[in-house]
Amino acid sequence: MLKKYKNIQFFNLAKEKVQVDGFLQYLESQRNFDHTIVHIDMDAFYAAVEIRENEQLGKKPMAVGTTKMLTTANYEARKFGIRSGMPGLISFILFFISFLIFFFSKINK
């Protein structure tokens, strides 16, 4: 009985493998290298700009954003759970507790 089961299983897998190989060949034939896509992860970019302006901020938890939403936080702040996209109210609460340094977004820098 086990021998029959293994043969059936192998046969089904072999059939599926042929289908997948055919699909992969189709996808490969459709590839187009005329365009280049570049993804740059700038998650801590605004925080790095503020640190560039004031190097003493480098080792202190700091965040950049508005009262509605945080744009970014440096890696020191992330150790405390501060994240990009976090509601600004939570960051303000942490700011008033006094371990987080908060900057309003200044896009013109």
N, C-alpha and C. Protein backbone atom coordinates (compact mmCIF):
# COMPACT_ATOMS: atom_id res chain seq x y z
N MET A 1 0.82 -1.19 0.00
CA MET A 1 0.00 0.00 0.00
C MET A 1 0.87 1.26 0.00
N LEU A 2 1.91 1.28 0.84
CA LEU A 2 2.81 2.44 0.90
C LEU A 2 3.53 2.65 -0.43
N LYS A 3 3.87 1.53 -1.09
CA LYS A 3 4.55 1.63 -2.38
C LYS A 3 3.66 2.31 -3.41
N LYS A 4 2.39 1.95 -3.43
CA LYS A 4 1.44 2.57 -4.35
C LYS A 4 1.30 4.07 -4.04
N TYR A 5 1.21 4.38 -2.76
CA TYR A 5 1.07 5.78 -2.34
C TYR A 5 2.27 6.60 -2.79
N LYS A 6 3.48 6.07 -2.60
CA LYS A 6 4.70 6.78 -3.01
C LYS A 6 4.73 6.96 -4.53
N ASN A 7 4.32 5.95 -5.28
CA ASN A 7 4.29 6.06 -6.74
C ASN A 7 3.29 7.11 -7.19
N ILE A 8 2.11 7.12 -6.58
CA ILE A 8 1.10 8.12 -6.94
C ILE A 8 1.61 9.51 -6.60
N GLN A 9 2.20 9.65 -5.41
CA GLN A 9 2.71 10.95 -4.97
C GLN A 9 3.82 11.43 -5.93
N PHE A 10 4.73 10.54 -6.32
CA PHE A 10 5.82 10.90 -7.23
C PHE A 10 5.25 11.31 -8.58
N PHE A 11 4.27 10.57 -9.06
CA PHE A 11 3.67 10.86 -10.35
C PHE A 11 3.02 12.24 -10.34
N ASN A 12 2.26 12.55 -9.29
CA ASN A 12 1.60 13.85 -9.19
C ASN A 12 2.63 14.98 -9.11
N LEU A 13 3.68 14.75 -8.36
CA LEU A 13 4.72 15.77 -8.25
C LEU A 13 5.44 15.98 -9.57
N ALA A 14 5.67 14.89 -10.30
CA ALA A 14 6.34 15.00 -11.59
C ALA A 14 5.48 15.81 -12.56
N LYS A 15 4.18 15.59 -12.54
CA LYS A 15 3.26 16.33 -13.41
C LYS A 15 3.27 17.81 -13.04
N GLU A 16 3.23 18.11 -11.76
CA GLU A 16 3.24 19.51 -11.30
C GLU A 16 4.57 20.17 -11.63
N LYS A 17 5.66 19.41 -11.52
CA LYS A 17 6.98 19.97 -11.84
C LYS A 17 7.05 20.38 -13.31
N VAL A 18 6.48 19.59 -14.19
CA VAL A 18 6.45 19.93 -15.62
C VAL A 18 5.65 21.21 -15.83
N GLN A 19 4.53 21.35 -15.16
CA GLN A 19 3.72 22.56 -15.28
C GLN A 19 4.47 23.79 -14.76
N VAL A 20 5.12 23.65 -13.62
CA VAL A 20 5.87 24.77 -13.03
C VAL A 20 7.04 25.14 -13.93
N ASP A 21 7.76 24.16 -14.44
CA ASP A 21 8.88 24.45 -15.34
C ASP A 21 8.40 25.20 -16.59
N GLY A 22 7.27 24.80 -17.14
CA GLY A 22 6.72 25.49 -18.30
C GLY A 22 6.35 26.93 -17.97
N PHE A 23 5.76 27.13 -16.81
CA PHE A 23 5.39 28.47 -16.39
C PHE A 23 6.63 29.34 -16.17
N LEU A 24 7.68 28.76 -15.57
CA LEU A 24 8.93 29.50 -15.37
C LEU A 24 9.57 29.89 -16.70
N GLN A 25 9.52 29.01 -17.66
CA GLN A 25 10.06 29.34 -18.99
C GLN A 25 9.27 30.49 -19.62
N TYR A 26 7.95 30.47 -19.46
CA TYR A 26 7.12 31.55 -19.98
C TYR A 26 7.50 32.87 -19.31
N LEU A 27 7.59 32.87 -17.97
CA LEU A 27 7.95 34.09 -17.25
C LEU A 27 9.33 34.60 -17.67
N GLU A 28 10.26 33.71 -17.82
CA GLU A 28 11.62 34.09 -18.23
C GLU A 28 11.62 34.72 -19.62
N SER A 29 10.77 34.22 -20.51
CA SER A 29 10.72 34.78 -21.86
C SER A 29 10.09 36.18 -21.87
N GLN A 30 9.33 36.52 -20.85
CA GLN A 30 8.67 37.82 -20.77
C GLN A 30 9.47 38.88 -20.02
N ARG A 31 10.62 38.51 -19.46
CA ARG A 31 11.41 39.47 -18.69
C ARG A 31 11.88 40.61 -19.57
N ASN A 32 11.86 41.80 -19.00
CA ASN A 32 12.24 43.00 -19.73
C ASN A 32 13.25 43.77 -18.88
N PHE A 33 14.44 43.95 -19.41
CA PHE A 33 15.49 44.65 -18.67
C PHE A 33 15.70 46.07 -19.19
N ASP A 34 14.66 46.64 -19.83
CA ASP A 34 14.76 48.00 -20.35
C ASP A 34 14.67 49.05 -19.24
N HIS A 35 14.11 48.70 -18.11
CA HIS A 35 13.92 49.63 -17.01
C HIS A 35 14.76 49.23 -15.81
N THR A 36 15.19 50.22 -15.07
CA THR A 36 15.91 49.98 -13.84
C THR A 36 15.10 50.55 -12.68
N ILE A 37 14.90 49.77 -11.66
CA ILE A 37 14.18 50.22 -10.48
C ILE A 37 15.18 50.28 -9.33
N VAL A 38 15.24 51.43 -8.68
CA VAL A 38 16.14 51.61 -7.54
C VAL A 38 15.28 51.88 -6.31
N HIS A 39 15.50 51.12 -5.28
CA HIS A 39 14.80 51.32 -4.01
C HIS A 39 15.81 51.77 -2.97
N ILE A 40 15.59 52.95 -2.42
CA ILE A 40 16.49 53.47 -1.39
C ILE A 40 15.70 53.55 -0.09
N ASP A 41 16.15 52.85 0.90
CA ASP A 41 15.48 52.86 2.20
C ASP A 41 16.01 54.06 2.99
N MET A 42 15.20 55.08 3.11
CA MET A 42 15.62 56.30 3.79
C MET A 42 14.85 56.47 5.09
N ASP A 43 14.67 55.38 5.80
CA ASP A 43 13.84 55.38 6.99
C ASP A 43 14.34 56.37 8.04
N ALA A 44 15.63 56.47 8.22
CA ALA A 44 16.17 57.37 9.25
C ALA A 44 16.78 58.63 8.64
N PHE A 45 16.36 58.98 7.43
CA PHE A 45 16.99 60.10 6.72
C PHE A 45 16.81 61.42 7.45
N TYR A 46 15.58 61.77 7.82
CA TYR A 46 15.35 63.06 8.48
C TYR A 46 16.05 63.13 9.83
N ALA A 47 16.13 62.02 10.53
CA ALA A 47 16.87 62.00 11.79
C ALA A 47 18.35 62.23 11.52
N ALA A 48 18.88 61.63 10.45
CA ALA A 48 20.30 61.83 10.11
C ALA A 48 20.58 63.28 9.75
N VAL A 49 19.62 63.96 9.12
CA VAL A 49 19.81 65.37 8.79
C VAL A 49 19.91 66.20 10.06
N GLU A 50 19.05 65.93 11.04
CA GLU A 50 19.10 66.65 12.31
C GLU A 50 20.41 66.36 13.06
N ILE A 51 20.86 65.12 13.01
CA ILE A 51 22.13 64.76 13.66
C ILE A 51 23.29 65.44 12.97
N ARG A 52 23.21 65.60 11.65
CA ARG A 52 24.25 66.31 10.91
C ARG A 52 24.34 67.75 11.39
N GLU A 53 23.19 68.36 11.68
CA GLU A 53 23.16 69.74 12.15
C GLU A 53 23.68 69.86 13.58
N ASN A 54 23.44 68.84 14.40
CA ASN A 54 23.85 68.87 15.81
C ASN A 54 24.37 67.48 16.18
N GLU A 55 25.67 67.31 16.13
CA GLU A 55 26.28 65.98 16.34
C GLU A 55 26.06 65.42 17.73
N GLN A 56 25.73 66.25 18.70
CA GLN A 56 25.49 65.76 20.06
C GLN A 56 24.22 64.90 20.15
N LEU A 57 23.38 64.97 19.14
CA LEU A 57 22.15 64.17 19.13
C LEU A 57 22.40 62.72 18.74
N GLY A 58 23.58 62.42 18.27
CA GLY A 58 23.87 61.09 17.73
C GLY A 58 23.59 59.94 18.67
N LYS A 59 23.85 60.12 19.95
CA LYS A 59 23.69 59.03 20.92
C LYS A 59 22.44 59.18 21.78
N LYS A 60 21.59 60.16 21.44
CA LYS A 60 20.38 60.39 22.23
C LYS A 60 19.16 59.98 21.41
N PRO A 61 18.12 59.43 22.06
CA PRO A 61 16.91 59.06 21.33
C PRO A 61 16.21 60.31 20.80
N MET A 62 16.00 60.38 19.51
CA MET A 62 15.33 61.54 18.91
C MET A 62 14.43 61.09 17.78
N ALA A 63 13.40 61.92 17.54
CA ALA A 63 12.43 61.63 16.49
C ALA A 63 12.11 62.92 15.74
N VAL A 64 11.67 62.75 14.51
CA VAL A 64 11.30 63.87 13.65
C VAL A 64 9.89 63.61 13.15
N GLY A 65 9.05 64.65 13.17
CA GLY A 65 7.70 64.46 12.66
C GLY A 65 6.82 65.64 12.98
N THR A 66 5.53 65.36 13.07
CA THR A 66 4.54 66.39 13.40
C THR A 66 3.74 65.89 14.60
N THR A 67 2.78 66.71 15.01
CA THR A 67 1.93 66.28 16.13
C THR A 67 1.01 65.13 15.72
N LYS A 68 0.85 64.93 14.41
CA LYS A 68 -0.04 63.87 13.94
C LYS A 68 0.69 62.56 13.67
N MET A 69 1.93 62.63 13.14
CA MET A 69 2.62 61.41 12.73
C MET A 69 4.13 61.62 12.78
N LEU A 70 4.83 60.60 13.25
CA LEU A 70 6.29 60.64 13.23
C LEU A 70 6.79 60.30 11.83
N THR A 71 7.72 61.08 11.35
CA THR A 71 8.33 60.79 10.06
C THR A 71 9.39 59.72 10.22
N THR A 72 10.23 59.88 11.24
CA THR A 72 11.31 58.92 11.45
C THR A 72 11.84 59.04 12.87
N ALA A 73 12.65 58.09 13.24
CA ALA A 73 13.33 58.10 14.53
C ALA A 73 14.72 57.52 14.33
N ASN A 74 15.66 57.98 15.14
CA ASN A 74 17.00 57.40 15.00
C ASN A 74 17.03 56.03 15.69
N TYR A 75 18.14 55.35 15.54
CA TYR A 75 18.24 53.98 16.06
C TYR A 75 18.24 53.93 17.58
N GLU A 76 18.72 54.98 18.22
CA GLU A 76 18.67 55.03 19.68
C GLU A 76 17.22 55.06 20.17
N ALA A 77 16.36 55.81 19.49
CA ALA A 77 14.94 55.90 19.88
C ALA A 77 14.22 54.59 19.59
N ARG A 78 14.64 53.88 18.56
CA ARG A 78 13.99 52.62 18.21
C ARG A 78 14.18 51.56 19.30
N LYS A 79 15.23 51.69 20.07
CA LYS A 79 15.44 50.76 21.19
C LYS A 79 14.32 50.89 22.21
N PHE A 80 13.67 52.07 22.26
CA PHE A 80 12.57 52.31 23.19
C PHE A 80 11.20 52.08 22.56
N GLY A 81 11.18 51.58 21.32
CA GLY A 81 9.92 51.28 20.66
C GLY A 81 9.37 52.40 19.80
N ILE A 82 10.14 53.47 19.62
CA ILE A 82 9.70 54.57 18.76
C ILE A 82 9.91 54.14 17.32
N ARG A 83 8.88 54.30 16.47
CA ARG A 83 8.95 53.85 15.09
C ARG A 83 8.42 54.91 14.13
N SER A 84 8.83 54.84 12.89
CA SER A 84 8.28 55.69 11.85
C SER A 84 6.81 55.36 11.69
N GLY A 85 6.00 56.38 11.45
CA GLY A 85 4.58 56.16 11.27
C GLY A 85 3.80 56.08 12.57
N MET A 86 4.47 56.22 13.68
CA MET A 86 3.80 56.18 14.98
C MET A 86 3.01 57.48 15.16
N PRO A 87 1.84 57.43 15.80
CA PRO A 87 1.10 58.67 16.04
C PRO A 87 1.93 59.68 16.84
N GLY A 88 1.86 60.92 16.42
CA GLY A 88 2.65 61.97 17.06
C GLY A 88 2.31 62.17 18.52
N LEU A 89 1.06 61.90 18.90
CA LEU A 89 0.65 62.07 20.30
C LEU A 89 1.48 61.18 21.22
N ILE A 90 1.71 59.95 20.81
CA ILE A 90 2.51 59.03 21.63
C ILE A 90 3.93 59.57 21.77
N SER A 91 4.48 60.07 20.67
CA SER A 91 5.84 60.61 20.75
C SER A 91 5.90 61.84 21.63
N PHE A 92 4.84 62.68 21.60
CA PHE A 92 4.81 63.84 22.48
C PHE A 92 4.76 63.42 23.95
N ILE A 93 4.02 62.38 24.25
CA ILE A 93 3.97 61.89 25.63
C ILE A 93 5.37 61.46 26.06
N LEU A 94 6.05 60.72 25.21
CA LEU A 94 7.41 60.30 25.54
C LEU A 94 8.36 61.50 25.60
N PHE A 95 8.10 62.52 24.80
CA PHE A 95 8.90 63.75 24.83
C PHE A 95 8.75 64.42 26.19
N PHE A 96 7.52 64.49 26.70
CA PHE A 96 7.30 65.15 27.99
C PHE A 96 7.82 64.31 29.15
N ILE A 97 7.91 63.01 28.98
CA ILE A 97 8.55 62.18 30.00
C ILE A 97 10.04 62.50 30.03
N SER A 98 10.53 63.04 28.93
CA SER A 98 11.86 63.64 28.79
C SER A 98 13.00 62.72 28.36
N PHE A 99 12.70 61.57 27.83
CA PHE A 99 13.85 60.83 27.30
C PHE A 99 13.93 60.93 25.78
N LEU A 100 12.91 61.47 25.12
CA LEU A 100 12.91 61.59 23.67
C LEU A 100 13.07 63.05 23.27
N ILE A 101 13.97 63.31 22.34
CA ILE A 101 14.13 64.64 21.77
C ILE A 101 13.31 64.68 20.49
N PHE A 102 12.44 65.67 20.37
CA PHE A 102 11.50 65.72 19.25
C PHE A 102 11.79 66.94 18.38
N PHE A 103 11.80 66.74 17.05
CA PHE A 103 11.98 67.83 16.09
C PHE A 103 10.79 67.82 15.14
N PHE A 104 10.32 69.01 14.80
CA PHE A 104 9.29 69.11 13.78
C PHE A 104 9.96 68.98 12.41
N SER A 105 9.27 68.35 11.49
CA SER A 105 9.80 68.14 10.15
C SER A 105 10.12 69.46 9.47
N LYS A 106 11.32 69.54 8.90
CA LYS A 106 11.74 70.72 8.13
C LYS A 106 12.23 70.21 6.79
N ILE A 107 11.37 70.17 5.81
CA ILE A 107 11.70 69.58 4.52
C ILE A 107 12.68 70.45 3.75
N ASN A 108 12.75 71.75 4.06
CA ASN A 108 13.63 72.65 3.30
C ASN A 108 15.10 72.43 3.60
N LYS A 109 15.47 71.62 4.59
CA LYS A 109 16.88 71.33 4.87
C LYS A 109 17.36 70.44 3.79
